[in-house]
Amino acid sequence: TNYADSVKGRFAISRDNAKNTVYLQM
């Protein structure tokens, strides 16, 4: 993963290949 400095520490990206879904926790 990589993040913009403006959101680092606050946002988290993840993926679930079994569900074919990507998430962004904000």
PDB file of all heavy atoms in Angstrom:
ATOM      1  N   THR A   1       0.812  -1.207   0.000  1.00  0.00           N
ATOM      2  CA  THR A   1       0.000   0.000   0.000  1.00  0.00           C
ATOM      3  C   THR A   1       0.845   1.255   0.000  1.00  0.00           C
ATOM      4  O   THR A   1       1.990   1.263   0.460  1.00  0.00           O
ATOM      5  CB  THR A   1      -0.939   0.035   1.213  1.00  0.00           C
ATOM      6  OG1 THR A   1      -0.161  -0.013   2.421  1.00  0.00           O
ATOM      7  CG2 THR A   1      -1.892  -1.149   1.192  1.00  0.00           C
ATOM      8  N   ASN A   2       0.254   2.320  -0.522  1.00  0.00           N
ATOM      9  CA  ASN A   2       0.844   3.648  -0.485  1.00  0.00           C
ATOM     10  C   ASN A   2      -0.262   4.658  -0.257  1.00  0.00           C
ATOM     11  O   ASN A   2      -1.398   4.455  -0.689  1.00  0.00           O
ATOM     12  CB  ASN A   2       1.585   3.972  -1.782  1.00  0.00           C
ATOM     13  CG  ASN A   2       2.893   3.229  -1.920  1.00  0.00           C
ATOM     14  OD1 ASN A   2       3.863   3.557  -1.243  1.00  0.00           O
ATOM     15  ND2 ASN A   2       2.918   2.220  -2.774  1.00  0.00           N
ATOM     16  N   TYR A   3       0.078   5.768   0.405  1.00  0.00           N
ATOM     17  CA  TYR A   3      -0.905   6.783   0.756  1.00  0.00           C
ATOM     18  C   TYR A   3      -0.389   8.176   0.472  1.00  0.00           C
ATOM     19  O   TYR A   3       0.812   8.441   0.570  1.00  0.00           O
ATOM     20  CB  TYR A   3      -1.266   6.700   2.243  1.00  0.00           C
ATOM     21  CG  TYR A   3      -1.867   5.385   2.646  1.00  0.00           C
ATOM     22  CD1 TYR A   3      -1.066   4.359   3.124  1.00  0.00           C
ATOM     23  CD2 TYR A   3      -3.236   5.172   2.548  1.00  0.00           C
ATOM     24  CE1 TYR A   3      -1.620   3.146   3.494  1.00  0.00           C
ATOM     25  CE2 TYR A   3      -3.795   3.965   2.913  1.00  0.00           C
ATOM     26  CZ  TYR A   3      -2.984   2.954   3.388  1.00  0.00           C
ATOM     27  OH  TYR A   3      -3.535   1.756   3.748  1.00  0.00           O
ATOM     28  N   ALA A   4      -1.320   9.048   0.137  1.00  0.00           N
ATOM     29  CA  ALA A   4      -0.987  10.458   0.076  1.00  0.00           C
ATOM     30  C   ALA A   4      -0.653  10.959   1.475  1.00  0.00           C
ATOM     31  O   ALA A   4      -1.228  10.500   2.470  1.00  0.00           O
ATOM     32  CB  ALA A   4      -2.152  11.254  -0.497  1.00  0.00           C
ATOM     33  N   ASP A   5       0.273  11.898   1.560  1.00  0.00           N
ATOM     34  CA  ASP A   5       0.665  12.430   2.862  1.00  0.00           C
ATOM     35  C   ASP A   5      -0.522  13.009   3.625  1.00  0.00           C
ATOM     36  O   ASP A   5      -0.570  12.934   4.856  1.00  0.00           O
ATOM     37  CB  ASP A   5       1.741  13.500   2.696  1.00  0.00           C
ATOM     38  CG  ASP A   5       3.082  12.922   2.305  1.00  0.00           C
ATOM     39  OD1 ASP A   5       3.292  11.710   2.459  1.00  0.00           O
ATOM     40  OD2 ASP A   5       3.937  13.706   1.838  1.00  0.00           O
ATOM     41  N   SER A   6      -1.481  13.562   2.912  1.00  0.00           N
ATOM     42  CA  SER A   6      -2.605  14.221   3.547  1.00  0.00           C
ATOM     43  C   SER A   6      -3.529  13.263   4.285  1.00  0.00           C
ATOM     44  O   SER A   6      -4.303  13.692   5.147  1.00  0.00           O
ATOM     45  CB  SER A   6      -3.409  15.012   2.513  1.00  0.00           C
ATOM     46  OG  SER A   6      -3.891  14.163   1.492  1.00  0.00           O
ATOM     47  N   VAL A   7      -3.472  11.980   3.953  1.00  0.00           N
ATOM     48  CA  VAL A   7      -4.363  11.010   4.583  1.00  0.00           C
ATOM     49  C   VAL A   7      -3.616   9.948   5.372  1.00  0.00           C
ATOM     50  O   VAL A   7      -4.253   9.117   6.039  1.00  0.00           O
ATOM     51  CB  VAL A   7      -5.283  10.323   3.551  1.00  0.00           C
ATOM     52  CG1 VAL A   7      -6.012  11.359   2.715  1.00  0.00           C
ATOM     53  CG2 VAL A   7      -4.494   9.368   2.655  1.00  0.00           C
ATOM     54  N   LYS A   8      -2.313   9.963   5.319  1.00  0.00           N
ATOM     55  CA  LYS A   8      -1.509   8.951   5.999  1.00  0.00           C
ATOM     56  C   LYS A   8      -1.806   8.948   7.492  1.00  0.00           C
ATOM     57  O   LYS A   8      -1.822   9.988   8.143  1.00  0.00           O
ATOM     58  CB  LYS A   8      -0.029   9.203   5.736  1.00  0.00           C
ATOM     59  CG  LYS A   8       0.880   8.039   6.073  1.00  0.00           C
ATOM     60  CD  LYS A   8       2.291   8.277   5.527  1.00  0.00           C
ATOM     61  CE  LYS A   8       2.301   8.358   4.016  1.00  0.00           C
ATOM     62  NZ  LYS A   8       3.679   8.545   3.473  1.00  0.00           N
ATOM     63  N   GLY A   9      -2.052   7.772   8.010  1.00  0.00           N
ATOM     64  CA  GLY A   9      -2.390   7.627   9.414  1.00  0.00           C
ATOM     65  C   GLY A   9      -3.869   7.721   9.703  1.00  0.00           C
ATOM     66  O   GLY A   9      -4.299   7.388  10.819  1.00  0.00           O
ATOM     67  N   ARG A  10      -4.652   8.176   8.745  1.00  0.00           N
ATOM     68  CA  ARG A  10      -6.097   8.300   8.921  1.00  0.00           C
ATOM     69  C   ARG A  10      -6.884   7.337   8.043  1.00  0.00           C
ATOM     70  O   ARG A  10      -7.950   6.870   8.444  1.00  0.00           O
ATOM     71  CB  ARG A  10      -6.556   9.728   8.619  1.00  0.00           C
ATOM     72  CG  ARG A  10      -5.934  10.779   9.519  1.00  0.00           C
ATOM     73  CD  ARG A  10      -6.586  12.141   9.304  1.00  0.00           C
ATOM     74  NE  ARG A  10      -6.385  12.639   7.943  1.00  0.00           N
ATOM     75  CZ  ARG A  10      -7.372  12.936   7.103  1.00  0.00           C
ATOM     76  NH1 ARG A  10      -8.640  12.797   7.474  1.00  0.00           N
ATOM     77  NH2 ARG A  10      -7.097  13.405   5.890  1.00  0.00           N
ATOM     78  N   PHE A  11      -6.376   7.077   6.844  1.00  0.00           N
ATOM     79  CA  PHE A  11      -7.065   6.220   5.887  1.00  0.00           C
ATOM     80  C   PHE A  11      -6.317   4.905   5.742  1.00  0.00           C
ATOM     81  O   PHE A  11      -5.092   4.846   5.913  1.00  0.00           O
ATOM     82  CB  PHE A  11      -7.147   6.885   4.510  1.00  0.00           C
ATOM     83  CG  PHE A  11      -8.045   8.081   4.416  1.00  0.00           C
ATOM     84  CD1 PHE A  11      -8.605   8.676   5.531  1.00  0.00           C
ATOM     85  CD2 PHE A  11      -8.326   8.618   3.166  1.00  0.00           C
ATOM     86  CE1 PHE A  11      -9.425   9.780   5.432  1.00  0.00           C
ATOM     87  CE2 PHE A  11      -9.153   9.725   3.048  1.00  0.00           C
ATOM     88  CZ  PHE A  11      -9.699  10.307   4.180  1.00  0.00           C
ATOM     89  N   ALA A  12      -7.041   3.866   5.379  1.00  0.00           N
ATOM     90  CA  ALA A  12      -6.431   2.569   5.124  1.00  0.00           C
ATOM     91  C   ALA A  12      -7.133   1.895   3.947  1.00  0.00           C
ATOM     92  O   ALA A  12      -8.359   1.779   3.939  1.00  0.00           O
ATOM     93  CB  ALA A  12      -6.496   1.677   6.354  1.00  0.00           C
ATOM     94  N   ILE A  13      -6.352   1.473   2.975  1.00  0.00           N
ATOM     95  CA  ILE A  13      -6.884   0.746   1.839  1.00  0.00           C
ATOM     96  C   ILE A  13      -6.640  -0.745   2.046  1.00  0.00           C
ATOM     97  O   ILE A  13      -5.614  -1.145   2.590  1.00  0.00           O
ATOM     98  CB  ILE A  13      -6.250   1.236   0.517  1.00  0.00           C
ATOM     99  CG1 ILE A  13      -6.956   0.631  -0.696  1.00  0.00           C
ATOM    100  CG2 ILE A  13      -4.755   0.965   0.484  1.00  0.00           C
ATOM    101  CD1 ILE A  13      -6.528   1.244  -2.028  1.00  0.00           C
ATOM    102  N   SER A  14      -7.585  -1.544   1.625  1.00  0.00           N
ATOM    103  CA  SER A  14      -7.454  -2.990   1.739  1.00  0.00           C
ATOM    104  C   SER A  14      -8.198  -3.646   0.587  1.00  0.00           C
ATOM    105  O   SER A  14      -8.984  -3.004  -0.112  1.00  0.00           O
ATOM    106  CB  SER A  14      -7.980  -3.490   3.085  1.00  0.00           C
ATOM    107  OG  SER A  14      -9.356  -3.187   3.237  1.00  0.00           O
ATOM    108  N   ARG A  15      -7.937  -4.920   0.393  1.00  0.00           N
ATOM    109  CA  ARG A  15      -8.629  -5.652  -0.657  1.00  0.00           C
ATOM    110  C   ARG A  15      -8.986  -7.041  -0.183  1.00  0.00           C
ATOM    111  O   ARG A  15      -8.275  -7.647   0.625  1.00  0.00           O
ATOM    112  CB  ARG A  15      -7.782  -5.720  -1.937  1.00  0.00           C
ATOM    113  CG  ARG A  15      -6.472  -6.489  -1.793  1.00  0.00           C
ATOM    114  CD  ARG A  15      -5.595  -6.308  -3.034  1.00  0.00           C
ATOM    115  NE  ARG A  15      -6.190  -6.916  -4.213  1.00  0.00           N
ATOM    116  CZ  ARG A  15      -5.874  -6.604  -5.466  1.00  0.00           C
ATOM    117  NH1 ARG A  15      -4.970  -5.654  -5.693  1.00  0.00           N
ATOM    118  NH2 ARG A  15      -6.455  -7.222  -6.477  1.00  0.00           N
ATOM    119  N   ASP A  16     -10.088  -7.541  -0.695  1.00  0.00           N
ATOM    120  CA  ASP A  16     -10.545  -8.885  -0.414  1.00  0.00           C
ATOM    121  C   ASP A  16     -10.721  -9.566  -1.761  1.00  0.00           C
ATOM    122  O   ASP A  16     -11.732  -9.371  -2.437  1.00  0.00           O
ATOM    123  CB  ASP A  16     -11.846  -8.868   0.379  1.00  0.00           C
ATOM    124  CG  ASP A  16     -12.263 -10.249   0.850  1.00  0.00           C
ATOM    125  OD1 ASP A  16     -11.866 -11.252   0.235  1.00  0.00           O
ATOM    126  OD2 ASP A  16     -13.006 -10.329   1.847  1.00  0.00           O
ATOM    127  N   ASN A  17      -9.737 -10.346  -2.153  1.00  0.00           N
ATOM    128  CA  ASN A  17      -9.775 -10.973  -3.470  1.00  0.00           C
ATOM    129  C   ASN A  17     -10.930 -11.961  -3.607  1.00  0.00           C
ATOM    130  O   ASN A  17     -11.463 -12.152  -4.701  1.00  0.00           O
ATOM    131  CB  ASN A  17      -8.446 -11.678  -3.761  1.00  0.00           C
ATOM    132  CG  ASN A  17      -7.321 -10.709  -4.053  1.00  0.00           C
ATOM    133  OD1 ASN A  17      -7.522  -9.497  -4.089  1.00  0.00           O
ATOM    134  ND2 ASN A  17      -6.128 -11.249  -4.254  1.00  0.00           N
ATOM    135  N   ALA A  18     -11.313 -12.595  -2.514  1.00  0.00           N
ATOM    136  CA  ALA A  18     -12.420 -13.543  -2.557  1.00  0.00           C
ATOM    137  C   ALA A  18     -13.741 -12.856  -2.844  1.00  0.00           C
ATOM    138  O   ALA A  18     -14.652 -13.460  -3.410  1.00  0.00           O
ATOM    139  CB  ALA A  18     -12.503 -14.322  -1.252  1.00  0.00           C
ATOM    140  N   LYS A  19     -13.868 -11.590  -2.448  1.00  0.00           N
ATOM    141  CA  LYS A  19     -15.092 -10.826  -2.665  1.00  0.00           C
ATOM    142  C   LYS A  19     -14.989  -9.853  -3.826  1.00  0.00           C
ATOM    143  O   LYS A  19     -15.955  -9.143  -4.112  1.00  0.00           O
ATOM    144  CB  LYS A  19     -15.461 -10.056  -1.399  1.00  0.00           C
ATOM    145  CG  LYS A  19     -15.801 -10.942  -0.219  1.00  0.00           C
ATOM    146  CD  LYS A  19     -16.197 -10.104   0.987  1.00  0.00           C
ATOM    147  CE  LYS A  19     -16.584 -10.979   2.158  1.00  0.00           C
ATOM    148  NZ  LYS A  19     -16.963 -10.170   3.346  1.00  0.00           N
ATOM    149  N   ASN A  20     -13.830  -9.802  -4.470  1.00  0.00           N
ATOM    150  CA  ASN A  20     -13.605  -8.855  -5.569  1.00  0.00           C
ATOM    151  C   ASN A  20     -13.952  -7.426  -5.151  1.00  0.00           C
ATOM    152  O   ASN A  20     -14.595  -6.678  -5.894  1.00  0.00           O
ATOM    153  CB  ASN A  20     -14.412  -9.248  -6.806  1.00  0.00           C
ATOM    154  CG  ASN A  20     -13.908 -10.518  -7.458  1.00  0.00           C
ATOM    155  OD1 ASN A  20     -12.786 -10.965  -7.215  1.00  0.00           O
ATOM    156  ND2 ASN A  20     -14.728 -11.114  -8.306  1.00  0.00           N
ATOM    157  N   THR A  21     -13.508  -7.060  -3.979  1.00  0.00           N
ATOM    158  CA  THR A  21     -13.863  -5.768  -3.418  1.00  0.00           C
ATOM    159  C   THR A  21     -12.645  -5.097  -2.798  1.00  0.00           C
ATOM    160  O   THR A  21     -11.835  -5.766  -2.145  1.00  0.00           O
ATOM    161  CB  THR A  21     -14.967  -5.908  -2.363  1.00  0.00           C
ATOM    162  OG1 THR A  21     -16.119  -6.522  -2.963  1.00  0.00           O
ATOM    163  CG2 THR A  21     -15.376  -4.547  -1.814  1.00  0.00           C
ATOM    164  N   VAL A  22     -12.540  -3.804  -3.012  1.00  0.00           N
ATOM    165  CA  VAL A  22     -11.513  -2.968  -2.409  1.00  0.00           C
ATOM    166  C   VAL A  22     -12.192  -1.987  -1.470  1.00  0.00           C
ATOM    167  O   VAL A  22     -13.277  -1.479  -1.770  1.00  0.00           O
ATOM    168  CB  VAL A  22     -10.709  -2.216  -3.483  1.00  0.00           C
ATOM    169  CG1 VAL A  22      -9.677  -1.298  -2.842  1.00  0.00           C
ATOM    170  CG2 VAL A  22     -10.029  -3.199  -4.424  1.00  0.00           C
ATOM    171  N   TYR A  23     -11.549  -1.708  -0.358  1.00  0.00           N
ATOM    172  CA  TYR A  23     -12.121  -0.833   0.652  1.00  0.00           C
ATOM    173  C   TYR A  23     -11.210   0.352   0.927  1.00  0.00           C
ATOM    174  O   TYR A  23      -9.992   0.278   0.761  1.00  0.00           O
ATOM    175  CB  TYR A  23     -12.337  -1.583   1.966  1.00  0.00           C
ATOM    176  CG  TYR A  23     -13.186  -2.823   1.832  1.00  0.00           C
ATOM    177  CD1 TYR A  23     -12.601  -4.071   1.669  1.00  0.00           C
ATOM    178  CD2 TYR A  23     -14.572  -2.740   1.864  1.00  0.00           C
ATOM    179  CE1 TYR A  23     -13.371  -5.211   1.543  1.00  0.00           C
ATOM    180  CE2 TYR A  23     -15.351  -3.875   1.739  1.00  0.00           C
ATOM    181  CZ  TYR A  23     -14.754  -5.104   1.580  1.00  0.00           C
ATOM    182  OH  TYR A  23     -15.525  -6.238   1.455  1.00  0.00           O
ATOM    183  N   LEU A  24     -11.813   1.418   1.369  1.00  0.00           N
ATOM    184  CA  LEU A  24     -11.069   2.550   1.898  1.00  0.00           C
ATOM    185  C   LEU A  24     -11.701   2.936   3.226  1.00  0.00           C
ATOM    186  O   LEU A  24     -12.802   3.491   3.249  1.00  0.00           O
ATOM    187  CB  LEU A  24     -11.079   3.739   0.938  1.00  0.00           C
ATOM    188  CG  LEU A  24     -10.249   4.937   1.397  1.00  0.00           C
ATOM    189  CD1 LEU A  24      -8.759   4.586   1.399  1.00  0.00           C
ATOM    190  CD2 LEU A  24     -10.504   6.154   0.516  1.00  0.00           C
ATOM    191  N   GLN A  25     -11.024   2.613   4.300  1.00  0.00           N
ATOM    192  CA  GLN A  25     -11.466   3.008   5.627  1.00  0.00           C
ATOM    193  C   GLN A  25     -10.954   4.413   5.904  1.00  0.00           C
ATOM    194  O   GLN A  25      -9.752   4.657   5.851  1.00  0.00           O
ATOM    195  CB  GLN A  25     -10.943   2.036   6.681  1.00  0.00           C
ATOM    196  CG  GLN A  25     -11.342   2.390   8.106  1.00  0.00           C
ATOM    197  CD  GLN A  25     -12.824   2.271   8.341  1.00  0.00           C
ATOM    198  OE1 GLN A  25     -13.437   1.277   7.958  1.00  0.00           O
ATOM    199  NE2 GLN A  25     -13.416   3.280   8.957  1.00  0.00           N
ATOM    200  N   MET A  26     -11.856   5.316   6.196  1.00  0.00           N
ATOM    201  CA  MET A  26     -11.520   6.717   6.413  1.00  0.00           C
ATOM    202  C   MET A  26     -11.900   7.097   7.834  1.00  0.00           C
ATOM    203  O   MET A  26     -13.077   7.064   8.197  1.00  0.00           O
ATOM    204  CB  MET A  26     -12.236   7.612   5.405  1.00  0.00           C
ATOM    205  CG  MET A  26     -11.969   7.244   3.951  1.00  0.00           C
ATOM    206  SD  MET A  26     -12.693   8.423   2.782  1.00  0.00           S
ATOM    207  CE  MET A  26     -14.430   8.157   3.111  1.00  0.00           C
TER     208      MET A  26
END
